[in-house]
Amino acid sequence: MEITILAADDVDSRAQLIDLLEMALGLETEGPESVGLREKQKGLKLNVMS
């Protein structure tokens, strides 16, 4: 997967990018609970309108 992020080049934007990268690393290494997300429940389908 590849993601492109466009943002202003200032201190706040850089801090938000670092937070996002830390959250992504936590998801990869420790799972969703490490960043405050619940693990997806198996067997439940999402209702999607198309």
PDB file of N, CA and C in Angstrom:
ATOM      1  N   MET A   1       0.843  -1.156   0.000  1.00  0.00           N
ATOM      2  CA  MET A   1       0.000   0.000   0.000  1.00  0.00           C
ATOM      3  C   MET A   1       0.896   1.229   0.000  1.00  0.00           C
ATOM      4  N   GLU A   2       0.462   2.225  -0.718  1.00  0.00           N
ATOM      5  CA  GLU A   2       1.198   3.486  -0.758  1.00  0.00           C
ATOM      6  C   GLU A   2       0.217   4.617  -0.507  1.00  0.00           C
ATOM      7  N   ILE A   3       0.602   5.528   0.371  1.00  0.00           N
ATOM      8  CA  ILE A   3      -0.254   6.659   0.721  1.00  0.00           C
ATOM      9  C   ILE A   3       0.520   7.947   0.492  1.00  0.00           C
ATOM     10  N   THR A   4      -0.124   8.914  -0.125  1.00  0.00           N
ATOM     11  CA  THR A   4       0.477  10.231  -0.323  1.00  0.00           C
ATOM     12  C   THR A   4      -0.277  11.229   0.543  1.00  0.00           C
ATOM     13  N   ILE A   5       0.468  12.000   1.333  1.00  0.00           N
ATOM     14  CA  ILE A   5      -0.137  12.984   2.227  1.00  0.00           C
ATOM     15  C   ILE A   5       0.377  14.362   1.828  1.00  0.00           C
ATOM     16  N   LEU A   6      -0.548  15.274   1.627  1.00  0.00           N
ATOM     17  CA  LEU A   6      -0.201  16.657   1.328  1.00  0.00           C
ATOM     18  C   LEU A   6      -0.593  17.510   2.517  1.00  0.00           C
ATOM     19  N   ALA A   7       0.336  18.322   2.988  1.00  0.00           N
ATOM     20  CA  ALA A   7       0.067  19.180   4.136  1.00  0.00           C
ATOM     21  C   ALA A   7       0.991  20.382   4.093  1.00  0.00           C
ATOM     22  N   ALA A   8       0.646  21.350   4.899  1.00  0.00           N
ATOM     23  CA  ALA A   8       1.504  22.537   5.016  1.00  0.00           C
ATOM     24  C   ALA A   8       2.844  22.135   5.618  1.00  0.00           C
ATOM     25  N   ASP A   9       3.880  22.894   5.304  1.00  0.00           N
ATOM     26  CA  ASP A   9       5.223  22.606   5.821  1.00  0.00           C
ATOM     27  C   ASP A   9       5.461  23.477   7.056  1.00  0.00           C
ATOM     28  N   ASP A  10       4.802  23.091   8.157  1.00  0.00           N
ATOM     29  CA  ASP A  10       4.989  23.822   9.401  1.00  0.00           C
ATOM     30  C   ASP A  10       5.120  22.835  10.557  1.00  0.00           C
ATOM     31  N   VAL A  11       5.375  23.353  11.734  1.00  0.00           N
ATOM     32  CA  VAL A  11       5.637  22.517  12.907  1.00  0.00           C
ATOM     33  C   VAL A  11       4.430  21.652  13.261  1.00  0.00           C
ATOM     34  N   ASP A  12       3.221  22.216  13.209  1.00  0.00           N
ATOM     35  CA  ASP A  12       2.023  21.452  13.555  1.00  0.00           C
ATOM     36  C   ASP A  12       1.794  20.289  12.588  1.00  0.00           C
ATOM     37  N   SER A  13       1.970  20.536  11.304  1.00  0.00           N
ATOM     38  CA  SER A  13       1.781  19.480  10.314  1.00  0.00           C
ATOM     39  C   SER A  13       2.802  18.370  10.490  1.00  0.00           C
ATOM     40  N   ARG A  14       4.022  18.728  10.796  1.00  0.00           N
ATOM     41  CA  ARG A  14       5.065  17.721  11.026  1.00  0.00           C
ATOM     42  C   ARG A  14       4.741  16.880  12.255  1.00  0.00           C
ATOM     43  N   ALA A  15       4.248  17.519  13.309  1.00  0.00           N
ATOM     44  CA  ALA A  15       3.877  16.788  14.529  1.00  0.00           C
ATOM     45  C   ALA A  15       2.733  15.823  14.249  1.00  0.00           C
ATOM     46  N   GLN A  16       1.752  16.243  13.457  1.00  0.00           N
ATOM     47  CA  GLN A  16       0.635  15.365  13.105  1.00  0.00           C
ATOM     48  C   GLN A  16       1.114  14.190  12.258  1.00  0.00           C
ATOM     49  N   LEU A  17       2.060  14.426  11.352  1.00  0.00           N
ATOM     50  CA  LEU A  17       2.609  13.345  10.537  1.00  0.00           C
ATOM     51  C   LEU A  17       3.347  12.335  11.406  1.00  0.00           C
ATOM     52  N   ILE A  18       4.120  12.809  12.364  1.00  0.00           N
ATOM     53  CA  ILE A  18       4.826  11.901  13.277  1.00  0.00           C
ATOM     54  C   ILE A  18       3.823  11.086  14.089  1.00  0.00           C
ATOM     55  N   ASP A  19       2.743  11.713  14.567  1.00  0.00           N
ATOM     56  CA  ASP A  19       1.702  10.980  15.293  1.00  0.00           C
ATOM     57  C   ASP A  19       1.082   9.895  14.419  1.00  0.00           C
ATOM     58  N   LEU A  20       0.813  10.226  13.172  1.00  0.00           N
ATOM     59  CA  LEU A  20       0.223   9.258  12.245  1.00  0.00           C
ATOM     60  C   LEU A  20       1.175   8.090  11.999  1.00  0.00           C
ATOM     61  N   LEU A  21       2.453   8.379  11.811  1.00  0.00           N
ATOM     62  CA  LEU A  21       3.441   7.320  11.588  1.00  0.00           C
ATOM     63  C   LEU A  21       3.603   6.437  12.820  1.00  0.00           C
ATOM     64  N   GLU A  22       3.579   7.038  14.007  1.00  0.00           N
ATOM     65  CA  GLU A  22       3.674   6.250  15.240  1.00  0.00           C
ATOM     66  C   GLU A  22       2.459   5.354  15.412  1.00  0.00           C
ATOM     67  N   MET A  23       1.271   5.864  15.053  1.00  0.00           N
ATOM     68  CA  MET A  23       0.073   5.050  15.148  1.00  0.00           C
ATOM     69  C   MET A  23       0.143   3.881  14.165  1.00  0.00           C
ATOM     70  N   ALA A  24       0.598   4.135  12.945  1.00  0.00           N
ATOM     71  CA  ALA A  24       0.716   3.066  11.953  1.00  0.00           C
ATOM     72  C   ALA A  24       1.720   2.009  12.410  1.00  0.00           C
ATOM     73  N   LEU A  25       2.834   2.442  12.975  1.00  0.00           N
ATOM     74  CA  LEU A  25       3.824   1.487  13.482  1.00  0.00           C
ATOM     75  C   LEU A  25       3.239   0.656  14.613  1.00  0.00           C
ATOM     76  N   GLY A  26       2.491   1.292  15.509  1.00  0.00           N
ATOM     77  CA  GLY A  26       1.855   0.564  16.599  1.00  0.00           C
ATOM     78  C   GLY A  26       0.866  -0.466  16.093  1.00  0.00           C
ATOM     79  N   LEU A  27       0.105  -0.114  15.057  1.00  0.00           N
ATOM     80  CA  LEU A  27      -0.838  -1.064  14.471  1.00  0.00           C
ATOM     81  C   LEU A  27      -0.113  -2.271  13.907  1.00  0.00           C
ATOM     82  N   GLU A  28       1.006  -2.044  13.239  1.00  0.00           N
ATOM     83  CA  GLU A  28       1.760  -3.137  12.627  1.00  0.00           C
ATOM     84  C   GLU A  28       2.452  -4.019  13.654  1.00  0.00           C
ATOM     85  N   THR A  29       2.992  -3.420  14.701  1.00  0.00           N
ATOM     86  CA  THR A  29       3.814  -4.193  15.628  1.00  0.00           C
ATOM     87  C   THR A  29       3.050  -4.744  16.821  1.00  0.00           C
ATOM     88  N   GLU A  30       2.050  -4.003  17.316  1.00  0.00           N
ATOM     89  CA  GLU A  30       1.404  -4.402  18.567  1.00  0.00           C
ATOM     90  C   GLU A  30      -0.094  -4.639  18.440  1.00  0.00           C
ATOM     91  N   GLY A  31      -0.682  -4.345  17.298  1.00  0.00           N
ATOM     92  CA  GLY A  31      -2.109  -4.567  17.110  1.00  0.00           C
ATOM     93  C   GLY A  31      -2.941  -3.337  17.401  1.00  0.00           C
ATOM     94  N   PRO A  32      -4.235  -3.412  17.083  1.00  0.00           N
ATOM     95  CA  PRO A  32      -5.103  -2.234  17.206  1.00  0.00           C
ATOM     96  C   PRO A  32      -5.308  -1.734  18.628  1.00  0.00           C
ATOM     97  N   GLU A  33      -5.233  -2.622  19.613  1.00  0.00           N
ATOM     98  CA  GLU A  33      -5.449  -2.198  20.991  1.00  0.00           C
ATOM     99  C   GLU A  33      -4.366  -1.233  21.463  1.00  0.00           C
ATOM    100  N   SER A  34      -3.179  -1.321  20.880  1.00  0.00           N
ATOM    101  CA  SER A  34      -2.058  -0.475  21.306  1.00  0.00           C
ATOM    102  C   SER A  34      -2.271   0.995  20.992  1.00  0.00           C
ATOM    103  N   VAL A  35      -3.113   1.280  20.004  1.00  0.00           N
ATOM    104  CA  VAL A  35      -3.358   2.676  19.629  1.00  0.00           C
ATOM    105  C   VAL A  35      -4.786   3.104  19.925  1.00  0.00           C
ATOM    106  N   GLY A  36      -5.482   2.316  20.751  1.00  0.00           N
ATOM    107  CA  GLY A  36      -6.823   2.690  21.174  1.00  0.00           C
ATOM    108  C   GLY A  36      -7.932   2.247  20.240  1.00  0.00           C
ATOM    109  N   LEU A  37      -7.643   1.348  19.313  1.00  0.00           N
ATOM    110  CA  LEU A  37      -8.674   0.833  18.417  1.00  0.00           C
ATOM    111  C   LEU A  37      -9.089  -0.559  18.862  1.00  0.00           C
ATOM    112  N   ARG A  38     -10.316  -0.909  18.587  1.00  0.00           N
ATOM    113  CA  ARG A  38     -10.787  -2.248  18.913  1.00  0.00           C
ATOM    114  C   ARG A  38     -10.456  -3.193  17.773  1.00  0.00           C
ATOM    115  N   GLU A  39     -10.180  -4.433  18.112  1.00  0.00           N
ATOM    116  CA  GLU A  39      -9.915  -5.444  17.094  1.00  0.00           C
ATOM    117  C   GLU A  39     -11.219  -5.777  16.382  1.00  0.00           C
ATOM    118  N   LYS A  40     -11.133  -5.988  15.085  1.00  0.00           N
ATOM    119  CA  LYS A  40     -12.301  -6.328  14.283  1.00  0.00           C
ATOM    120  C   LYS A  40     -12.886  -7.658  14.758  1.00  0.00           C
ATOM    121  N   GLN A  41     -14.188  -7.659  14.972  1.00  0.00           N
ATOM    122  CA  GLN A  41     -14.849  -8.882  15.398  1.00  0.00           C
ATOM    123  C   GLN A  41     -15.040  -9.789  14.191  1.00  0.00           C
ATOM    124  N   LYS A  42     -14.673 -11.042  14.357  1.00  0.00           N
ATOM    125  CA  LYS A  42     -14.773 -11.990  13.255  1.00  0.00           C
ATOM    126  C   LYS A  42     -16.210 -12.445  13.094  1.00  0.00           C
ATOM    127  N   GLY A  43     -16.599 -12.635  11.851  1.00  0.00           N
ATOM    128  CA  GLY A  43     -17.918 -13.154  11.565  1.00  0.00           C
ATOM    129  C   GLY A  43     -19.003 -12.110  11.388  1.00  0.00           C
ATOM    130  N   LEU A  44     -18.694 -10.852  11.642  1.00  0.00           N
ATOM    131  CA  LEU A  44     -19.684  -9.800  11.469  1.00  0.00           C
ATOM    132  C   LEU A  44     -19.454  -9.088  10.134  1.00  0.00           C
ATOM    133  N   LYS A  45     -20.520  -8.880   9.397  1.00  0.00           N
ATOM    134  CA  LYS A  45     -20.411  -8.192   8.115  1.00  0.00           C
ATOM    135  C   LYS A  45     -20.803  -6.736   8.290  1.00  0.00           C
ATOM    136  N   LEU A  46     -20.161  -5.884   7.547  1.00  0.00           N
ATOM    137  CA  LEU A  46     -20.517  -4.476   7.558  1.00  0.00           C
ATOM    138  C   LEU A  46     -21.646  -4.226   6.562  1.00  0.00           C
ATOM    139  N   ASN A  47     -22.597  -3.406   6.938  1.00  0.00           N
ATOM    140  CA  ASN A  47     -23.664  -3.030   6.018  1.00  0.00           C
ATOM    141  C   ASN A  47     -23.141  -1.906   5.147  1.00  0.00           C
ATOM    142  N   VAL A  48     -22.951  -2.189   3.870  1.00  0.00           N
ATOM    143  CA  VAL A  48     -22.394  -1.213   2.941  1.00  0.00           C
ATOM    144  C   VAL A  48     -23.433  -0.917   1.866  1.00  0.00           C
ATOM    145  N   MET A  49     -23.675   0.359   1.657  1.00  0.00           N
ATOM    146  CA  MET A  49     -24.596   0.759   0.600  1.00  0.00           C
ATOM    147  C   MET A  49     -23.801   1.004  -0.661  1.00  0.00           C
ATOM    148  N   SER A  50     -24.269   0.487  -1.771  1.00  0.00           N
ATOM    149  CA  SER A  50     -23.559   0.726  -3.026  1.00  0.00           C
ATOM    150  C   SER A  50     -24.495   1.229  -4.096  1.00  0.00           C
TER     151      SER A  50
END
